[in-house]
């Protein structure tokens, strides 16, 4: 299992090049529901390094430290993927 974050441009290129389906998951991020787009290529999970949320939470999310958001999101996705593989 390997988890890799990609910038939006890289994620779109991967989707078109590999022709893999896109999956969306919701993760709790500091009390905010965050929608993340992902795809599997072999045993590797790629996710787009952008958080989508509702309008009310966008301003709150933008005021947070982007590195902390990135780190928290990566930890959650890795844990989620590991638990899904064990089930």
PDB file of N, CA and C in Angstrom:
ATOM      1  N   UNK A   1       0.841  -1.179   0.000  1.00  0.00           N
ATOM      2  CA  UNK A   1       0.000   0.000   0.000  1.00  0.00           C
ATOM      3  C   UNK A   1       0.884   1.238   0.000  1.00  0.00           C
ATOM      4  N   UNK A   2       0.544   2.153  -0.849  1.00  0.00           N
ATOM      5  CA  UNK A   2       1.262   3.421  -0.934  1.00  0.00           C
ATOM      6  C   UNK A   2       0.220   4.512  -1.154  1.00  0.00           C
ATOM      7  N   UNK A   3       0.347   5.621  -0.451  1.00  0.00           N
ATOM      8  CA  UNK A   3      -0.569   6.753  -0.591  1.00  0.00           C
ATOM      9  C   UNK A   3       0.236   7.945  -1.086  1.00  0.00           C
ATOM     10  N   UNK A   4      -0.240   8.564  -2.181  1.00  0.00           N
ATOM     11  CA  UNK A   4       0.483   9.669  -2.802  1.00  0.00           C
ATOM     12  C   UNK A   4      -0.472  10.834  -3.022  1.00  0.00           C
ATOM     13  N   UNK A   5      -0.060  12.027  -2.616  1.00  0.00           N
ATOM     14  CA  UNK A   5      -0.885  13.203  -2.904  1.00  0.00           C
ATOM     15  C   UNK A   5      -0.388  13.846  -4.197  1.00  0.00           C
ATOM     16  N   UNK A   6      -1.335  14.351  -4.961  1.00  0.00           N
ATOM     17  CA  UNK A   6      -1.017  15.010  -6.224  1.00  0.00           C
ATOM     18  C   UNK A   6      -1.685  16.373  -6.281  1.00  0.00           C
ATOM     19  N   UNK A   7      -1.044  17.277  -6.961  1.00  0.00           N
ATOM     20  CA  UNK A   7      -1.671  18.562  -7.239  1.00  0.00           C
ATOM     21  C   UNK A   7      -2.810  18.321  -8.239  1.00  0.00           C
ATOM     22  N   UNK A   8      -3.781  19.227  -8.314  1.00  0.00           N
ATOM     23  CA  UNK A   8      -4.926  19.002  -9.202  1.00  0.00           C
ATOM     24  C   UNK A   8      -4.545  18.695 -10.654  1.00  0.00           C
ATOM     25  N   UNK A   9      -3.559  19.406 -11.192  1.00  0.00           N
ATOM     26  CA  UNK A   9      -3.153  19.172 -12.577  1.00  0.00           C
ATOM     27  C   UNK A   9      -2.591  17.764 -12.757  1.00  0.00           C
ATOM     28  N   UNK A  10      -1.769  17.340 -11.792  1.00  0.00           N
ATOM     29  CA  UNK A  10      -1.188  16.003 -11.849  1.00  0.00           C
ATOM     30  C   UNK A  10      -2.259  14.925 -11.711  1.00  0.00           C
ATOM     31  N   UNK A  11      -3.234  15.173 -10.832  1.00  0.00           N
ATOM     32  CA  UNK A  11      -4.315  14.214 -10.613  1.00  0.00           C
ATOM     33  C   UNK A  11      -5.128  14.024 -11.894  1.00  0.00           C
ATOM     34  N   UNK A  12      -5.477  15.104 -12.553  1.00  0.00           N
ATOM     35  CA  UNK A  12      -6.251  15.037 -13.795  1.00  0.00           C
ATOM     36  C   UNK A  12      -5.457  14.318 -14.881  1.00  0.00           C
ATOM     37  N   UNK A  13      -4.178  14.616 -14.987  1.00  0.00           N
ATOM     38  CA  UNK A  13      -3.337  13.926 -15.977  1.00  0.00           C
ATOM     39  C   UNK A  13      -3.311  12.423 -15.724  1.00  0.00           C
ATOM     40  N   UNK A  14      -3.183  12.031 -14.460  1.00  0.00           N
ATOM     41  CA  UNK A  14      -3.171  10.611 -14.105  1.00  0.00           C
ATOM     42  C   UNK A  14      -4.484   9.938 -14.488  1.00  0.00           C
ATOM     43  N   UNK A  15      -5.593  10.591 -14.184  1.00  0.00           N
ATOM     44  CA  UNK A  15      -6.919  10.036 -14.493  1.00  0.00           C
ATOM     45  C   UNK A  15      -7.065   9.803 -16.000  1.00  0.00           C
ATOM     46  N   UNK A  16      -6.683  10.775 -16.795  1.00  0.00           N
ATOM     47  CA  UNK A  16      -6.828  10.637 -18.241  1.00  0.00           C
ATOM     48  C   UNK A  16      -5.826   9.637 -18.830  1.00  0.00           C
ATOM     49  N   UNK A  17      -4.624   9.611 -18.276  1.00  0.00           N
ATOM     50  CA  UNK A  17      -3.593   8.706 -18.798  1.00  0.00           C
ATOM     51  C   UNK A  17      -3.914   7.247 -18.473  1.00  0.00           C
ATOM     52  N   UNK A  18      -4.295   6.974 -17.204  1.00  0.00           N
ATOM     53  CA  UNK A  18      -4.545   5.601 -16.756  1.00  0.00           C
ATOM     54  C   UNK A  18      -5.999   5.168 -16.940  1.00  0.00           C
ATOM     55  N   UNK A  19      -6.897   6.128 -17.170  1.00  0.00           N
ATOM     56  CA  UNK A  19      -8.326   5.848 -17.343  1.00  0.00           C
ATOM     57  C   UNK A  19      -8.895   5.036 -16.176  1.00  0.00           C
ATOM     58  N   UNK A  20      -8.680   5.553 -14.978  1.00  0.00           N
ATOM     59  CA  UNK A  20      -9.172   4.915 -13.756  1.00  0.00           C
ATOM     60  C   UNK A  20     -10.349   5.710 -13.204  1.00  0.00           C
ATOM     61  N   UNK A  21     -11.270   5.039 -12.517  1.00  0.00           N
ATOM     62  CA  UNK A  21     -12.407   5.761 -11.947  1.00  0.00           C
ATOM     63  C   UNK A  21     -11.996   6.631 -10.750  1.00  0.00           C
ATOM     64  N   UNK A  22     -12.700   7.730 -10.586  1.00  0.00           N
ATOM     65  CA  UNK A  22     -12.462   8.639  -9.468  1.00  0.00           C
ATOM     66  C   UNK A  22     -13.409   8.274  -8.332  1.00  0.00           C
ATOM     67  N   UNK A  23     -12.889   8.296  -7.135  1.00  0.00           N
ATOM     68  CA  UNK A  23     -13.664   8.007  -5.934  1.00  0.00           C
ATOM     69  C   UNK A  23     -13.651   9.271  -5.075  1.00  0.00           C
ATOM     70  N   UNK A  24     -14.717   9.508  -4.348  1.00  0.00           N
ATOM     71  CA  UNK A  24     -14.764  10.652  -3.420  1.00  0.00           C
ATOM     72  C   UNK A  24     -15.058  10.131  -2.022  1.00  0.00           C
ATOM     73  N   UNK A  25     -14.323  10.631  -1.055  1.00  0.00           N
ATOM     74  CA  UNK A  25     -14.534  10.263   0.356  1.00  0.00           C
ATOM     75  C   UNK A  25     -14.617  11.541   1.175  1.00  0.00           C
ATOM     76  N   UNK A  26     -15.341  11.446   2.265  1.00  0.00           N
ATOM     77  CA  UNK A  26     -15.467  12.585   3.183  1.00  0.00           C
ATOM     78  C   UNK A  26     -14.701  12.252   4.461  1.00  0.00           C
ATOM     79  N   UNK A  27     -13.851  13.184   4.883  1.00  0.00           N
ATOM     80  CA  UNK A  27     -13.057  13.033   6.099  1.00  0.00           C
ATOM     81  C   UNK A  27     -13.336  14.210   7.027  1.00  0.00           C
ATOM     82  N   UNK A  28     -13.392  13.954   8.352  1.00  0.00           N
ATOM     83  CA  UNK A  28     -13.516  15.073   9.301  1.00  0.00           C
ATOM     84  C   UNK A  28     -12.163  15.741   9.478  1.00  0.00           C
ATOM     85  N   UNK A  29     -12.107  17.015   9.190  1.00  0.00           N
ATOM     86  CA  UNK A  29     -10.850  17.753   9.249  1.00  0.00           C
ATOM     87  C   UNK A  29     -11.020  18.940  10.174  1.00  0.00           C
ATOM     88  N   UNK A  30     -10.570  18.794  11.415  1.00  0.00           N
ATOM     89  CA  UNK A  30     -10.699  19.847  12.428  1.00  0.00           C
ATOM     90  C   UNK A  30     -12.154  20.280  12.588  1.00  0.00           C
ATOM     91  N   UNK A  31     -13.061  19.312  12.595  1.00  0.00           N
ATOM     92  CA  UNK A  31     -14.475  19.613  12.778  1.00  0.00           C
ATOM     93  C   UNK A  31     -15.201  20.030  11.510  1.00  0.00           C
ATOM     94  N   UNK A  32     -14.525  19.946  10.376  1.00  0.00           N
ATOM     95  CA  UNK A  32     -15.110  20.329   9.092  1.00  0.00           C
ATOM     96  C   UNK A  32     -15.163  19.080   8.211  1.00  0.00           C
ATOM     97  N   UNK A  33     -16.287  18.873   7.537  1.00  0.00           N
ATOM     98  CA  UNK A  33     -16.389  17.761   6.596  1.00  0.00           C
ATOM     99  C   UNK A  33     -15.657  18.135   5.323  1.00  0.00           C
ATOM    100  N   UNK A  34     -14.647  17.351   4.971  1.00  0.00           N
ATOM    101  CA  UNK A  34     -13.808  17.643   3.811  1.00  0.00           C
ATOM    102  C   UNK A  34     -13.987  16.550   2.759  1.00  0.00           C
ATOM    103  N   UNK A  35     -14.341  16.938   1.558  1.00  0.00           N
ATOM    104  CA  UNK A  35     -14.496  16.009   0.447  1.00  0.00           C
ATOM    105  C   UNK A  35     -13.170  15.915  -0.306  1.00  0.00           C
ATOM    106  N   UNK A  36     -12.678  14.678  -0.487  1.00  0.00           N
ATOM    107  CA  UNK A  36     -11.400  14.442  -1.136  1.00  0.00           C
ATOM    108  C   UNK A  36     -11.614  13.485  -2.306  1.00  0.00           C
ATOM    109  N   UNK A  37     -10.981  13.789  -3.439  1.00  0.00           N
ATOM    110  CA  UNK A  37     -11.069  12.928  -4.619  1.00  0.00           C
ATOM    111  C   UNK A  37      -9.838  12.025  -4.664  1.00  0.00           C
ATOM    112  N   UNK A  38     -10.084  10.729  -4.944  1.00  0.00           N
ATOM    113  CA  UNK A  38      -9.026   9.733  -4.937  1.00  0.00           C
ATOM    114  C   UNK A  38      -9.168   8.789  -6.121  1.00  0.00           C
ATOM    115  N   UNK A  39      -8.112   8.027  -6.395  1.00  0.00           N
ATOM    116  CA  UNK A  39      -8.171   6.946  -7.374  1.00  0.00           C
ATOM    117  C   UNK A  39      -7.105   5.912  -7.030  1.00  0.00           C
ATOM    118  N   UNK A  40      -7.374   4.668  -7.398  1.00  0.00           N
ATOM    119  CA  UNK A  40      -6.426   3.577  -7.198  1.00  0.00           C
ATOM    120  C   UNK A  40      -5.777   3.213  -8.527  1.00  0.00           C
ATOM    121  N   UNK A  41      -4.478   3.067  -8.508  1.00  0.00           N
ATOM    122  CA  UNK A  41      -3.735   2.540  -9.651  1.00  0.00           C
ATOM    123  C   UNK A  41      -2.871   1.423  -9.078  1.00  0.00           C
ATOM    124  N   UNK A  42      -3.271   0.204  -9.314  1.00  0.00           N
ATOM    125  CA  UNK A  42      -2.586  -0.928  -8.703  1.00  0.00           C
ATOM    126  C   UNK A  42      -2.784  -0.886  -7.199  1.00  0.00           C
ATOM    127  N   UNK A  43      -1.690  -0.975  -6.464  1.00  0.00           N
ATOM    128  CA  UNK A  43      -1.764  -0.925  -5.001  1.00  0.00           C
ATOM    129  C   UNK A  43      -1.518   0.483  -4.462  1.00  0.00           C
ATOM    130  N   UNK A  44      -1.458   1.456  -5.342  1.00  0.00           N
ATOM    131  CA  UNK A  44      -1.197   2.836  -4.942  1.00  0.00           C
ATOM    132  C   UNK A  44      -2.493   3.636  -4.953  1.00  0.00           C
ATOM    133  N   UNK A  45      -2.707   4.384  -3.882  1.00  0.00           N
ATOM    134  CA  UNK A  45      -3.853   5.286  -3.780  1.00  0.00           C
ATOM    135  C   UNK A  45      -3.350   6.705  -4.001  1.00  0.00           C
ATOM    136  N   UNK A  46      -3.899   7.380  -4.993  1.00  0.00           N
ATOM    137  CA  UNK A  46      -3.558   8.779  -5.270  1.00  0.00           C
ATOM    138  C   UNK A  46      -4.725   9.644  -4.828  1.00  0.00           C
ATOM    139  N   UNK A  47      -4.435  10.780  -4.225  1.00  0.00           N
ATOM    140  CA  UNK A  47      -5.497  11.711  -3.876  1.00  0.00           C
ATOM    141  C   UNK A  47      -5.119  13.126  -4.284  1.00  0.00           C
ATOM    142  N   UNK A  48      -6.159  13.882  -4.646  1.00  0.00           N
ATOM    143  CA  UNK A  48      -5.943  15.265  -5.053  1.00  0.00           C
ATOM    144  C   UNK A  48      -5.794  16.121  -3.804  1.00  0.00           C
ATOM    145  N   UNK A  49      -4.715  16.868  -3.763  1.00  0.00           N
ATOM    146  CA  UNK A  49      -4.371  17.661  -2.581  1.00  0.00           C
ATOM    147  C   UNK A  49      -5.165  18.972  -2.538  1.00  0.00           C
ATOM    148  N   UNK A  50      -6.482  18.840  -2.583  1.00  0.00           N
ATOM    149  CA  UNK A  50      -7.382  19.985  -2.441  1.00  0.00           C
ATOM    150  C   UNK A  50      -8.597  19.538  -1.636  1.00  0.00           C
ATOM    151  N   UNK A  51      -9.009  20.374  -0.728  1.00  0.00           N
ATOM    152  CA  UNK A  51     -10.153  20.064   0.125  1.00  0.00           C
ATOM    153  C   UNK A  51     -11.367  20.829  -0.379  1.00  0.00           C
ATOM    154  N   UNK A  52     -12.456  20.121  -0.558  1.00  0.00           N
ATOM    155  CA  UNK A  52     -13.718  20.772  -0.903  1.00  0.00           C
ATOM    156  C   UNK A  52     -14.631  20.693   0.310  1.00  0.00           C
ATOM    157  N   UNK A  53     -15.276  21.804   0.598  1.00  0.00           N
ATOM    158  CA  UNK A  53     -16.195  21.856   1.731  1.00  0.00           C
ATOM    159  C   UNK A  53     -17.317  22.833   1.385  1.00  0.00           C
ATOM    160  N   UNK A  54     -18.260  22.997   2.300  1.00  0.00           N
ATOM    161  CA  UNK A  54     -19.366  23.914   2.007  1.00  0.00           C
ATOM    162  C   UNK A  54     -18.926  25.372   2.176  1.00  0.00           C
ATOM    163  N   UNK A  55     -19.753  26.287   1.717  1.00  0.00           N
ATOM    164  CA  UNK A  55     -19.405  27.724   1.721  1.00  0.00           C
ATOM    165  C   UNK A  55     -19.149  28.255   3.129  1.00  0.00           C
ATOM    166  N   UNK A  56     -19.918  27.772   4.103  1.00  0.00           N
ATOM    167  CA  UNK A  56     -19.761  28.278   5.476  1.00  0.00           C
ATOM    168  C   UNK A  56     -18.376  27.952   6.044  1.00  0.00           C
ATOM    169  N   UNK A  57     -17.826  26.800   5.654  1.00  0.00           N
ATOM    170  CA  UNK A  57     -16.550  26.369   6.224  1.00  0.00           C
ATOM    171  C   UNK A  57     -15.338  26.763   5.389  1.00  0.00           C
ATOM    172  N   UNK A  58     -15.548  27.279   4.187  1.00  0.00           N
ATOM    173  CA  UNK A  58     -14.421  27.655   3.333  1.00  0.00           C
ATOM    174  C   UNK A  58     -13.533  28.719   3.976  1.00  0.00           C
ATOM    175  N   UNK A  59     -14.136  29.752   4.537  1.00  0.00           N
ATOM    176  CA  UNK A  59     -13.334  30.820   5.137  1.00  0.00           C
ATOM    177  C   UNK A  59     -12.574  30.311   6.358  1.00  0.00           C
ATOM    178  N   UNK A  60     -13.209  29.444   7.142  1.00  0.00           N
ATOM    179  CA  UNK A  60     -12.534  28.873   8.306  1.00  0.00           C
ATOM    180  C   UNK A  60     -11.352  28.005   7.870  1.00  0.00           C
ATOM    181  N   UNK A  61     -11.548  27.229   6.833  1.00  0.00           N
ATOM    182  CA  UNK A  61     -10.492  26.360   6.318  1.00  0.00           C
ATOM    183  C   UNK A  61      -9.327  27.183   5.761  1.00  0.00           C
ATOM    184  N   UNK A  62      -9.629  28.282   5.076  1.00  0.00           N
ATOM    185  CA  UNK A  62      -8.582  29.125   4.500  1.00  0.00           C
ATOM    186  C   UNK A  62      -7.751  29.826   5.566  1.00  0.00           C
ATOM    187  N   UNK A  63      -8.313  30.011   6.747  1.00  0.00           N
ATOM    188  CA  UNK A  63      -7.574  30.678   7.817  1.00  0.00           C
ATOM    189  C   UNK A  63      -6.634  29.724   8.557  1.00  0.00           C
ATOM    190  N   UNK A  64      -6.754  28.418   8.298  1.00  0.00           N
ATOM    191  CA  UNK A  64      -5.907  27.427   8.968  1.00  0.00           C
ATOM    192  C   UNK A  64      -4.569  27.285   8.248  1.00  0.00           C
ATOM    193  N   UNK A  65      -3.603  26.750   8.962  1.00  0.00           N
ATOM    194  CA  UNK A  65      -2.266  26.508   8.408  1.00  0.00           C
ATOM    195  C   UNK A  65      -2.354  25.398   7.355  1.00  0.00           C
ATOM    196  N   UNK A  66      -1.954  25.695   6.131  1.00  0.00           N
ATOM    197  CA  UNK A  66      -2.085  24.725   5.037  1.00  0.00           C
ATOM    198  C   UNK A  66      -1.226  23.481   5.267  1.00  0.00           C
ATOM    199  N   UNK A  67      -0.085  23.623   5.939  1.00  0.00           N
ATOM    200  CA  UNK A  67       0.768  22.461   6.198  1.00  0.00           C
ATOM    201  C   UNK A  67       0.134  21.533   7.232  1.00  0.00           C
ATOM    202  N   UNK A  68      -0.545  22.108   8.203  1.00  0.00           N
ATOM    203  CA  UNK A  68      -1.239  21.299   9.206  1.00  0.00           C
ATOM    204  C   UNK A  68      -2.422  20.568   8.573  1.00  0.00           C
ATOM    205  N   UNK A  69      -3.142  21.248   7.690  1.00  0.00           N
ATOM    206  CA  UNK A  69      -4.246  20.610   6.971  1.00  0.00           C
ATOM    207  C   UNK A  69      -3.714  19.451   6.141  1.00  0.00           C
ATOM    208  N   UNK A  70      -2.634  19.695   5.414  1.00  0.00           N
ATOM    209  CA  UNK A  70      -2.040  18.660   4.575  1.00  0.00           C
ATOM    210  C   UNK A  70      -1.615  17.444   5.403  1.00  0.00           C
ATOM    211  N   UNK A  71      -0.941  17.668   6.512  1.00  0.00           N
ATOM    212  CA  UNK A  71      -0.458  16.580   7.357  1.00  0.00           C
ATOM    213  C   UNK A  71      -1.618  15.783   7.952  1.00  0.00           C
ATOM    214  N   UNK A  72      -2.622  16.479   8.455  1.00  0.00           N
ATOM    215  CA  UNK A  72      -3.782  15.810   9.049  1.00  0.00           C
ATOM    216  C   UNK A  72      -4.524  14.985   8.000  1.00  0.00           C
ATOM    217  N   UNK A  73      -4.694  15.539   6.836  1.00  0.00           N
ATOM    218  CA  UNK A  73      -5.385  14.846   5.753  1.00  0.00           C
ATOM    219  C   UNK A  73      -4.618  13.591   5.338  1.00  0.00           C
ATOM    220  N   UNK A  74      -3.311  13.698   5.204  1.00  0.00           N
ATOM    221  CA  UNK A  74      -2.490  12.552   4.822  1.00  0.00           C
ATOM    222  C   UNK A  74      -2.603  11.433   5.858  1.00  0.00           C
ATOM    223  N   UNK A  75      -2.540  11.788   7.143  1.00  0.00           N
ATOM    224  CA  UNK A  75      -2.663  10.774   8.200  1.00  0.00           C
ATOM    225  C   UNK A  75      -4.009  10.078   8.137  1.00  0.00           C
ATOM    226  N   UNK A  76      -5.070  10.833   7.946  1.00  0.00           N
ATOM    227  CA  UNK A  76      -6.413  10.252   7.899  1.00  0.00           C
ATOM    228  C   UNK A  76      -6.594   9.326   6.698  1.00  0.00           C
ATOM    229  N   UNK A  77      -6.109   9.746   5.544  1.00  0.00           N
ATOM    230  CA  UNK A  77      -6.251   8.923   4.337  1.00  0.00           C
ATOM    231  C   UNK A  77      -5.435   7.637   4.473  1.00  0.00           C
ATOM    232  N   UNK A  78      -4.232   7.720   4.998  1.00  0.00           N
ATOM    233  CA  UNK A  78      -3.403   6.522   5.199  1.00  0.00           C
ATOM    234  C   UNK A  78      -4.076   5.545   6.165  1.00  0.00           C
ATOM    235  N   UNK A  79      -4.570   6.050   7.275  1.00  0.00           N
ATOM    236  CA  UNK A  79      -5.242   5.191   8.249  1.00  0.00           C
ATOM    237  C   UNK A  79      -6.500   4.571   7.647  1.00  0.00           C
ATOM    238  N   UNK A  80      -7.287   5.359   6.958  1.00  0.00           N
ATOM    239  CA  UNK A  80      -8.509   4.862   6.330  1.00  0.00           C
ATOM    240  C   UNK A  80      -8.194   3.767   5.319  1.00  0.00           C
ATOM    241  N   UNK A  81      -7.194   3.980   4.494  1.00  0.00           N
ATOM    242  CA  UNK A  81      -6.838   2.993   3.471  1.00  0.00           C
ATOM    243  C   UNK A  81      -6.330   1.702   4.113  1.00  0.00           C
ATOM    244  N   UNK A  82      -5.540   1.843   5.152  1.00  0.00           N
ATOM    245  CA  UNK A  82      -5.042   0.649   5.853  1.00  0.00           C
ATOM    246  C   UNK A  82      -6.180  -0.152   6.458  1.00  0.00           C
ATOM    247  N   UNK A  83      -7.127   0.522   7.087  1.00  0.00           N
ATOM    248  CA  UNK A  83      -8.278  -0.172   7.679  1.00  0.00           C
ATOM    249  C   UNK A  83      -9.156  -0.829   6.603  1.00  0.00           C
ATOM    250  N   UNK A  84      -9.301  -0.175   5.458  1.00  0.00           N
ATOM    251  CA  UNK A  84     -10.082  -0.770   4.370  1.00  0.00           C
ATOM    252  C   UNK A  84      -9.412  -2.027   3.824  1.00  0.00           C
ATOM    253  N   UNK A  85      -8.085  -2.034   3.761  1.00  0.00           N
ATOM    254  CA  UNK A  85      -7.376  -3.202   3.253  1.00  0.00           C
ATOM    255  C   UNK A  85      -7.413  -4.382   4.234  1.00  0.00           C
ATOM    256  N   UNK A  86      -7.504  -4.072   5.522  1.00  0.00           N
ATOM    257  CA  UNK A  86      -7.558  -5.134   6.530  1.00  0.00           C
ATOM    258  C   UNK A  86      -8.940  -5.787   6.589  1.00  0.00           C
ATOM    259  N   UNK A  87      -9.958  -5.073   6.188  1.00  0.00           N
ATOM    260  CA  UNK A  87     -11.334  -5.598   6.308  1.00  0.00           C
ATOM    261  C   UNK A  87     -11.628  -6.679   5.290  1.00  0.00           C
TER     262      UNK A  87
END
